[in-house]
C-alpha atoms as a PDB file:
ATOM      1  CA  UNK A   1      -0.484  18.218   7.560  1.00  0.00           C
ATOM      2  CA  UNK A   2      -0.702  15.110   9.515  1.00  0.00           C
ATOM      3  CA  UNK A   3      -1.823  15.440  13.201  1.00  0.00           C
ATOM      4  CA  UNK A   4      -1.549  12.860  16.022  1.00  0.00           C
ATOM      5  CA  UNK A   5      -3.224  12.187  19.315  1.00  0.00           C
ATOM      6  CA  UNK A   6      -2.208   9.469  21.895  1.00  0.00           C
ATOM      7  CA  UNK A   7      -4.815   7.979  24.200  1.00  0.00           C
ATOM      8  CA  UNK A   8      -4.639   8.339  28.030  1.00  0.00           C
ATOM      9  CA  UNK A   9      -6.481   6.870  31.082  1.00  0.00           C
ATOM     10  CA  UNK A  10      -9.980   8.233  31.788  1.00  0.00           C
ATOM     11  CA  UNK A  11      -9.807  10.755  34.596  1.00  0.00           C
ATOM     12  CA  UNK A  12     -13.462  10.146  35.855  1.00  0.00           C
ATOM     13  CA  UNK A  13     -13.731   6.487  34.989  1.00  0.00           C
ATOM     14  CA  UNK A  14     -15.405   4.881  38.081  1.00  0.00           C
ATOM     15  CA  UNK A  15     -18.398   7.211  37.805  1.00  0.00           C
ATOM     16  CA  UNK A  16     -18.792   7.011  33.980  1.00  0.00           C
ATOM     17  CA  UNK A  17     -18.309   3.140  34.279  1.00  0.00           C
ATOM     18  CA  UNK A  18     -21.004   2.891  36.730  1.00  0.00           C
ATOM     19  CA  UNK A  19     -23.467   4.969  34.847  1.00  0.00           C
ATOM     20  CA  UNK A  20     -22.745   3.263  31.478  1.00  0.00           C
ATOM     21  CA  UNK A  21     -22.934  -0.215  33.127  1.00  0.00           C
ATOM     22  CA  UNK A  22     -26.349   0.468  34.576  1.00  0.00           C
ATOM     23  CA  UNK A  23     -27.894   1.944  31.243  1.00  0.00           C
ATOM     24  CA  UNK A  24     -26.593  -1.137  29.259  1.00  0.00           C
ATOM     25  CA  UNK A  25     -27.978  -3.563  31.665  1.00  0.00           C
ATOM     26  CA  UNK A  26     -31.324  -1.650  31.734  1.00  0.00           C
ATOM     27  CA  UNK A  27     -31.701  -1.942  27.967  1.00  0.00           C
ATOM     28  CA  UNK A  28     -30.442  -5.475  27.560  1.00  0.00           C
ATOM     29  CA  UNK A  29     -33.259  -7.463  28.530  1.00  0.00           C
ATOM     30  CA  UNK A  30     -35.968  -5.405  26.612  1.00  0.00           C
ATOM     31  CA  UNK A  31     -33.749  -5.563  23.223  1.00  0.00           C
ATOM     32  CA  UNK A  32     -33.433  -9.395  23.863  1.00  0.00           C
ATOM     33  CA  UNK A  33     -37.134  -9.687  24.288  1.00  0.00           C
ATOM     34  CA  UNK A  34     -37.618  -7.408  20.979  1.00  0.00           C
ATOM     35  CA  UNK A  35     -35.226  -9.722  19.196  1.00  0.00           C
ATOM     36  CA  UNK A  36     -37.067 -12.847  19.983  1.00  0.00           C
ATOM     37  CA  UNK A  37     -40.387 -11.223  18.770  1.00  0.00           C
ATOM     38  CA  UNK A  38     -38.867 -10.194  15.611  1.00  0.00           C
ATOM     39  CA  UNK A  39     -37.554 -13.754  14.943  1.00  0.00           C
ATOM     40  CA  UNK A  40     -40.984 -15.121  15.522  1.00  0.00           C
ATOM     41  CA  UNK A  41     -42.521 -12.330  12.891  1.00  0.00           C
ATOM     42  CA  UNK A  42     -39.947 -13.514  10.318  1.00  0.00           C
ATOM     43  CA  UNK A  43     -41.282 -17.144  10.841  1.00  0.00           C
ATOM     44  CA  UNK A  44     -44.942 -15.989  10.664  1.00  0.00           C
ATOM     45  CA  UNK A  45     -44.365 -13.924   7.598  1.00  0.00           C
ATOM     46  CA  UNK A  46     -44.531 -17.089   5.369  1.00  0.00           C
ATOM     47  CA  UNK A  47     -44.550 -15.809   1.574  1.00  0.00           C
ATOM     48  CA  UNK A  48     -45.531 -12.311   2.446  1.00  0.00           C
ATOM     49  CA  UNK A  49     -42.289 -10.279   1.086  1.00  0.00           C
ATOM     50  CA  UNK A  50     -43.179  -6.940   2.471  1.00  0.00           C
ATOM     51  CA  UNK A  51     -43.685  -8.251   5.892  1.00  0.00           C
ATOM     52  CA  UNK A  52     -40.394 -10.269   5.667  1.00  0.00           C
ATOM     53  CA  UNK A  53     -38.459  -7.244   4.627  1.00  0.00           C
ATOM     54  CA  UNK A  54     -40.045  -5.290   7.447  1.00  0.00           C
ATOM     55  CA  UNK A  55     -39.263  -7.969   9.950  1.00  0.00           C
ATOM     56  CA  UNK A  56     -35.581  -8.363   8.667  1.00  0.00           C
ATOM     57  CA  UNK A  57     -35.281  -4.527   8.935  1.00  0.00           C
ATOM     58  CA  UNK A  58     -36.336  -4.621  12.599  1.00  0.00           C
ATOM     59  CA  UNK A  59     -33.858  -7.384  13.196  1.00  0.00           C
ATOM     60  CA  UNK A  60     -31.064  -5.576  11.732  1.00  0.00           C
ATOM     61  CA  UNK A  61     -31.783  -2.493  13.672  1.00  0.00           C
ATOM     62  CA  UNK A  62     -32.141  -4.649  16.942  1.00  0.00           C
ATOM     63  CA  UNK A  63     -28.752  -6.334  16.142  1.00  0.00           C
ATOM     64  CA  UNK A  64     -27.193  -3.013  15.860  1.00  0.00           C
ATOM     65  CA  UNK A  65     -28.513  -1.884  19.221  1.00  0.00           C
ATOM     66  CA  UNK A  66     -27.421  -5.246  20.914  1.00  0.00           C
ATOM     67  CA  UNK A  67     -24.054  -4.725  19.656  1.00  0.00           C
ATOM     68  CA  UNK A  68     -23.884  -1.174  20.929  1.00  0.00           C
ATOM     69  CA  UNK A  69     -25.203  -2.596  24.235  1.00  0.00           C
ATOM     70  CA  UNK A  70     -21.985  -5.132  24.426  1.00  0.00           C
ATOM     71  CA  UNK A  71     -19.882  -2.135  23.615  1.00  0.00           C
ATOM     72  CA  UNK A  72     -21.248  -0.143  26.582  1.00  0.00           C
ATOM     73  CA  UNK A  73     -20.732  -3.143  28.831  1.00  0.00           C
ATOM     74  CA  UNK A  74     -17.277  -3.672  27.666  1.00  0.00           C
ATOM     75  CA  UNK A  75     -16.767   0.276  28.435  1.00  0.00           C
ATOM     76  CA  UNK A  76     -18.643   0.141  31.775  1.00  0.00           C
ATOM     77  CA  UNK A  77     -16.773  -2.927  33.352  1.00  0.00           C
ATOM     78  CA  UNK A  78     -13.140  -3.024  34.504  1.00  0.00           C
ATOM     79  CA  UNK A  79     -11.247  -5.273  32.096  1.00  0.00           C
ATOM     80  CA  UNK A  80     -10.790  -8.845  33.187  1.00  0.00           C
ATOM     81  CA  UNK A  81      -7.376  -9.722  31.801  1.00  0.00           C
ATOM     82  CA  UNK A  82      -6.195 -13.457  31.760  1.00  0.00           C
ATOM     83  CA  UNK A  83      -2.478 -12.833  30.685  1.00  0.00           C
ATOM     84  CA  UNK A  84      -0.811 -16.048  28.859  1.00  0.00           C
ATOM     85  CA  UNK A  85       1.323 -17.043  25.980  1.00  0.00           C
ATOM     86  CA  UNK A  86       0.261 -14.891  22.863  1.00  0.00           C
ATOM     87  CA  UNK A  87       1.401 -14.218  19.473  1.00  0.00           C
ATOM     88  CA  UNK A  88       0.195 -10.530  18.473  1.00  0.00           C
ATOM     89  CA  UNK A  89       1.164 -11.157  14.919  1.00  0.00           C
ATOM     90  CA  UNK A  90      -0.871 -14.142  14.818  1.00  0.00           C
ATOM     91  CA  UNK A  91      -3.779 -12.459  16.491  1.00  0.00           C
ATOM     92  CA  UNK A  92      -3.902  -9.545  13.994  1.00  0.00           C
ATOM     93  CA  UNK A  93      -3.772 -12.188  11.227  1.00  0.00           C
ATOM     94  CA  UNK A  94      -6.932 -13.853  12.555  1.00  0.00           C
ATOM     95  CA  UNK A  95      -8.671 -10.588  13.080  1.00  0.00           C
ATOM     96  CA  UNK A  96      -8.091  -9.328   9.574  1.00  0.00           C
ATOM     97  CA  UNK A  97      -9.110 -12.737   8.064  1.00  0.00           C
ATOM     98  CA  UNK A  98     -12.331 -12.756   9.970  1.00  0.00           C
ATOM     99  CA  UNK A  99     -13.146  -9.128   8.538  1.00  0.00           C
ATOM    100  CA  UNK A 100     -12.223 -10.399   5.024  1.00  0.00           C
ATOM    101  CA  UNK A 101     -14.811 -13.330   5.459  1.00  0.00           C
ATOM    102  CA  UNK A 102     -17.355 -11.034   6.751  1.00  0.00           C
ATOM    103  CA  UNK A 103     -17.072  -8.132   4.039  1.00  0.00           C
ATOM    104  CA  UNK A 104     -19.651  -7.600   1.661  1.00  0.00           C
ATOM    105  CA  UNK A 105     -19.073  -6.794  -2.045  1.00  0.00           C
ATOM    106  CA  UNK A 106     -19.422  -3.042  -1.776  1.00  0.00           C
ATOM    107  CA  UNK A 107     -16.907  -2.773   1.413  1.00  0.00           C
ATOM    108  CA  UNK A 108     -13.216  -2.023   1.323  1.00  0.00           C
ATOM    109  CA  UNK A 109     -10.950  -4.791   1.384  1.00  0.00           C
ATOM    110  CA  UNK A 110      -8.298  -5.677   4.182  1.00  0.00           C
ATOM    111  CA  UNK A 111      -4.818  -6.326   3.503  1.00  0.00           C
ATOM    112  CA  UNK A 112      -2.121  -7.801   6.107  1.00  0.00           C
ATOM    113  CA  UNK A 113       1.420  -6.780   5.242  1.00  0.00           C
ATOM    114  CA  UNK A 114       4.759  -7.254   6.896  1.00  0.00           C
ATOM    115  CA  UNK A 115       3.613  -9.159   9.727  1.00  0.00           C
ATOM    116  CA  UNK A 116       6.101 -11.692  11.475  1.00  0.00           C
ATOM    117  CA  UNK A 117       5.971 -13.651  14.739  1.00  0.00           C
ATOM    118  CA  UNK A 118       5.557 -11.623  17.643  1.00  0.00           C
ATOM    119  CA  UNK A 119       5.214 -13.922  21.018  1.00  0.00           C
ATOM    120  CA  UNK A 120       4.938 -12.285  24.231  1.00  0.00           C
ATOM    121  CA  UNK A 121       3.080 -12.817  27.615  1.00  0.00           C
ATOM    122  CA  UNK A 122      -0.255 -10.848  27.393  1.00  0.00           C
ATOM    123  CA  UNK A 123      -4.063 -11.246  27.222  1.00  0.00           C
ATOM    124  CA  UNK A 124      -4.864 -12.550  23.576  1.00  0.00           C
ATOM    125  CA  UNK A 125      -8.489 -11.974  24.119  1.00  0.00           C
ATOM    126  CA  UNK A 126      -7.922  -8.238  25.059  1.00  0.00           C
ATOM    127  CA  UNK A 127      -5.602  -7.734  22.208  1.00  0.00           C
ATOM    128  CA  UNK A 128      -8.209  -9.140  19.813  1.00  0.00           C
ATOM    129  CA  UNK A 129     -10.925  -6.694  21.280  1.00  0.00           C
ATOM    130  CA  UNK A 130      -8.635  -3.722  20.460  1.00  0.00           C
ATOM    131  CA  UNK A 131      -7.767  -4.914  16.891  1.00  0.00           C
ATOM    132  CA  UNK A 132     -11.489  -5.575  16.065  1.00  0.00           C
ATOM    133  CA  UNK A 133     -12.481  -2.092  16.938  1.00  0.00           C
ATOM    134  CA  UNK A 134      -9.533  -0.358  15.407  1.00  0.00           C
ATOM    135  CA  UNK A 135     -10.211  -2.490  12.060  1.00  0.00           C
ATOM    136  CA  UNK A 136     -13.939  -2.027  12.172  1.00  0.00           C
ATOM    137  CA  UNK A 137     -13.570   1.742  12.374  1.00  0.00           C
ATOM    138  CA  UNK A 138     -11.041   1.891   9.608  1.00  0.00           C
ATOM    139  CA  UNK A 139     -13.172  -0.355   7.398  1.00  0.00           C
ATOM    140  CA  UNK A 140     -16.106   1.870   7.982  1.00  0.00           C
ATOM    141  CA  UNK A 141     -14.543   4.828   6.902  1.00  0.00           C
ATOM    142  CA  UNK A 142     -12.668   3.575   3.874  1.00  0.00           C
ATOM    143  CA  UNK A 143     -14.472   3.695   0.388  1.00  0.00           C
ATOM    144  CA  UNK A 144     -14.238   0.657  -1.897  1.00  0.00           C
ATOM    145  CA  UNK A 145     -12.225  -0.238  -3.855  1.00  0.00           C
ATOM    146  CA  UNK A 146      -9.642   0.902  -1.482  1.00  0.00           C
ATOM    147  CA  UNK A 147      -7.999  -1.082   1.159  1.00  0.00           C
ATOM    148  CA  UNK A 148      -7.226  -0.955   4.686  1.00  0.00           C
ATOM    149  CA  UNK A 149      -3.759  -2.145   5.905  1.00  0.00           C
ATOM    150  CA  UNK A 150      -2.906  -4.093   8.920  1.00  0.00           C
ATOM    151  CA  UNK A 151       0.754  -4.284   9.985  1.00  0.00           C
ATOM    152  CA  UNK A 152       2.222  -5.783  13.152  1.00  0.00           C
ATOM    153  CA  UNK A 153       5.770  -5.232  13.886  1.00  0.00           C
ATOM    154  CA  UNK A 154       8.453  -5.136  16.785  1.00  0.00           C
ATOM    155  CA  UNK A 155       8.780  -1.599  18.285  1.00  0.00           C
ATOM    156  CA  UNK A 156      12.176   0.005  18.760  1.00  0.00           C
ATOM    157  CA  UNK A 157      11.953  -0.338  22.551  1.00  0.00           C
ATOM    158  CA  UNK A 158      11.229  -4.191  22.301  1.00  0.00           C
ATOM    159  CA  UNK A 159       7.547  -3.787  22.414  1.00  0.00           C
ATOM    160  CA  UNK A 160       4.955  -4.264  19.709  1.00  0.00           C
ATOM    161  CA  UNK A 161       3.305  -2.252  17.311  1.00  0.00           C
ATOM    162  CA  UNK A 162       0.113  -2.975  15.122  1.00  0.00           C
ATOM    163  CA  UNK A 163      -0.958  -0.447  12.794  1.00  0.00           C
ATOM    164  CA  UNK A 164      -4.333  -0.098  10.895  1.00  0.00           C
ATOM    165  CA  UNK A 165      -4.248   2.411   8.034  1.00  0.00           C
ATOM    166  CA  UNK A 166      -7.275   3.445   6.264  1.00  0.00           C
ATOM    167  CA  UNK A 167      -7.929   5.781   3.181  1.00  0.00           C
ATOM    168  CA  UNK A 168     -10.762   7.692   4.400  1.00  0.00           C
ATOM    169  CA  UNK A 169     -11.505  11.289   4.626  1.00  0.00           C
ATOM    170  CA  UNK A 170      -9.256  11.656   7.714  1.00  0.00           C
ATOM    171  CA  UNK A 171     -10.188  13.543  10.898  1.00  0.00           C
ATOM    172  CA  UNK A 172     -10.109  17.290  11.180  1.00  0.00           C
ATOM    173  CA  UNK A 173      -7.266  18.490  13.569  1.00  0.00           C
ATOM    174  CA  UNK A 174      -9.969  20.382  15.700  1.00  0.00           C
ATOM    175  CA  UNK A 175     -11.592  16.935  16.394  1.00  0.00           C
ATOM    176  CA  UNK A 176      -8.617  14.766  17.007  1.00  0.00           C
ATOM    177  CA  UNK A 177      -8.519  15.343  20.615  1.00  0.00           C
ATOM    178  CA  UNK A 178     -11.994  14.042  21.092  1.00  0.00           C
ATOM    179  CA  UNK A 179     -11.900  10.839  19.482  1.00  0.00           C
ATOM    180  CA  UNK A 180     -11.243   8.589  22.503  1.00  0.00           C
ATOM    181  CA  UNK A 181     -14.196  10.226  24.397  1.00  0.00           C
ATOM    182  CA  UNK A 182     -17.279   7.871  24.810  1.00  0.00           C
ATOM    183  CA  UNK A 183     -20.033   8.584  22.724  1.00  0.00           C
ATOM    184  CA  UNK A 184     -18.055  10.919  20.288  1.00  0.00           C
ATOM    185  CA  UNK A 185     -19.728  10.087  17.001  1.00  0.00           C
ATOM    186  CA  UNK A 186     -17.395   8.065  14.648  1.00  0.00           C
ATOM    187  CA  UNK A 187     -19.541   6.782  11.700  1.00  0.00           C
ATOM    188  CA  UNK A 188     -23.011   7.493  10.527  1.00  0.00           C
ATOM    189  CA  UNK A 189     -24.201   9.007  13.736  1.00  0.00           C
ATOM    190  CA  UNK A 190     -23.728   5.756  15.765  1.00  0.00           C
ATOM    191  CA  UNK A 191     -22.149   6.165  19.193  1.00  0.00           C
ATOM    192  CA  UNK A 192     -18.507   6.490  19.344  1.00  0.00           C
ATOM    193  CA  UNK A 193     -17.525   3.750  21.741  1.00  0.00           C
ATOM    194  CA  UNK A 194     -15.017   1.501  19.939  1.00  0.00           C
ATOM    195  CA  UNK A 195     -12.132   3.577  20.056  1.00  0.00           C
ATOM    196  CA  UNK A 196     -12.787   4.394  23.837  1.00  0.00           C
ATOM    197  CA  UNK A 197     -13.212   0.550  24.418  1.00  0.00           C
ATOM    198  CA  UNK A 198      -9.850  -0.023  22.569  1.00  0.00           C
ATOM    199  CA  UNK A 199      -8.240   2.533  24.424  1.00  0.00           C
ATOM    200  CA  UNK A 200      -9.296   1.313  27.966  1.00  0.00           C
ATOM    201  CA  UNK A 201      -8.056  -2.256  27.333  1.00  0.00           C
ATOM    202  CA  UNK A 202      -4.726  -0.967  25.737  1.00  0.00           C
ATOM    203  CA  UNK A 203      -4.126   0.824  28.920  1.00  0.00           C
ATOM    204  CA  UNK A 204      -5.136  -2.141  31.145  1.00  0.00           C
ATOM    205  CA  UNK A 205      -2.243  -3.966  29.096  1.00  0.00           C
ATOM    206  CA  UNK A 206       0.216  -1.258  29.812  1.00  0.00           C
ATOM    207  CA  UNK A 207       0.165   0.297  26.235  1.00  0.00           C
ATOM    208  CA  UNK A 208      -1.788   2.928  24.421  1.00  0.00           C
ATOM    209  CA  UNK A 209      -3.582   4.019  21.171  1.00  0.00           C
ATOM    210  CA  UNK A 210      -1.934   6.527  19.014  1.00  0.00           C
ATOM    211  CA  UNK A 211      -4.203   8.154  16.041  1.00  0.00           C
ATOM    212  CA  UNK A 212      -2.362   9.978  13.335  1.00  0.00           C
ATOM    213  CA  UNK A 213      -4.705  11.583  10.474  1.00  0.00           C
ATOM    214  CA  UNK A 214      -4.464  13.944   7.561  1.00  0.00           C
ATOM    215  CA  UNK A 215      -7.844  15.401   6.165  1.00  0.00           C
ATOM    216  CA  UNK A 216      -8.301  14.172   2.662  1.00  0.00           C
ATOM    217  CA  UNK A 217      -5.694  11.198   2.985  1.00  0.00           C
ATOM    218  CA  UNK A 218      -6.846   9.054   5.895  1.00  0.00           C
ATOM    219  CA  UNK A 219      -5.994   7.855   9.288  1.00  0.00           C
ATOM    220  CA  UNK A 220      -3.479   5.359  11.076  1.00  0.00           C
ATOM    221  CA  UNK A 221      -4.362   3.813  14.371  1.00  0.00           C
ATOM    222  CA  UNK A 222      -1.687   2.152  16.188  1.00  0.00           C
ATOM    223  CA  UNK A 223      -1.627  -0.093  19.221  1.00  0.00           C
ATOM    224  CA  UNK A 224       1.622   0.170  21.053  1.00  0.00           C
ATOM    225  CA  UNK A 225       2.213  -2.570  23.699  1.00  0.00           C
ATOM    226  CA  UNK A 226       5.155  -2.427  26.126  1.00  0.00           C
ATOM    227  CA  UNK A 227       8.135  -5.243  26.270  1.00  0.00           C
ATOM    228  CA  UNK A 228       6.512  -6.613  28.980  1.00  0.00           C
ATOM    229  CA  UNK A 229       2.869  -6.835  30.344  1.00  0.00           C
ATOM    230  CA  UNK A 230       2.069  -5.545  33.667  1.00  0.00           C
ATOM    231  CA  UNK A 231       0.910  -9.053  34.637  1.00  0.00           C
ATOM    232  CA  UNK A 232       4.068 -10.619  33.306  1.00  0.00           C
ATOM    233  CA  UNK A 233       5.694 -12.928  35.622  1.00  0.00           C
END
C-alpha cells in the first residue's frame, strides 16, 4: 500500500538553524586545510601507487564531508531568494542532464518524460537546489539498470508539479513521517539533509514537497509550486 507525507515548515527553525550554522562554520576551515594537504600528498606520491590510492581515498572522504558541510549551511541559513523569470521545465531538464553526465557506469539512469515549457516568476536557483536533492536521493536509491523518471507538468490549480520517481526499496510507513527531519539517515549512513534542505526551499517559494512510497516498489517525490510566487509582483 502506498503511503504519502507532505512537508511542513519547521517548528523550531531559528534555534536549529543557528546551531547547524555554527557547527558548519566550525568544521569548514579544518576540512579545507585537510583537503589542501591531501592534494599536496597526491602530487608528492609520484609513482607510488599505494600512496596515490590512499591519498585519493582521503580526498574522496574530505569531498564528502565538504558536501555535507555545504548542506548544513543551506539548512542553517534563511534562503536568500532572487525571484525572476524562470522556466521550471527547462530547469528540470538541465538538472536531469547534469545528473546524466555525472553518472558512472554502475549507476541508475535518468529519464525526462512529458515535460513542457512552464514559465513563471520564481527563483530558478532555489528550484535547482530542490530538484538536485530530490534527484540525487532518487538516484542513490535506484539500483541499475532501472531508471529514475523526472516529469514536470502543470498542476490542476495553475501551479507547477515536478515528480521524481525511483525504483528503490521504498520507505517503511512508520518511517515516512521522519524523512524531512534534519539528520534522518537517508542513504548508507550519511546525514539526511537533502530532503530537509529541499523542503525548506520549497516552503520559501510558497510550495511544499510531497513523498509517496510503497515498500518494495519505490518512491515518488513531488515538488509542488503555487500559481504565483510569494514574491511575485
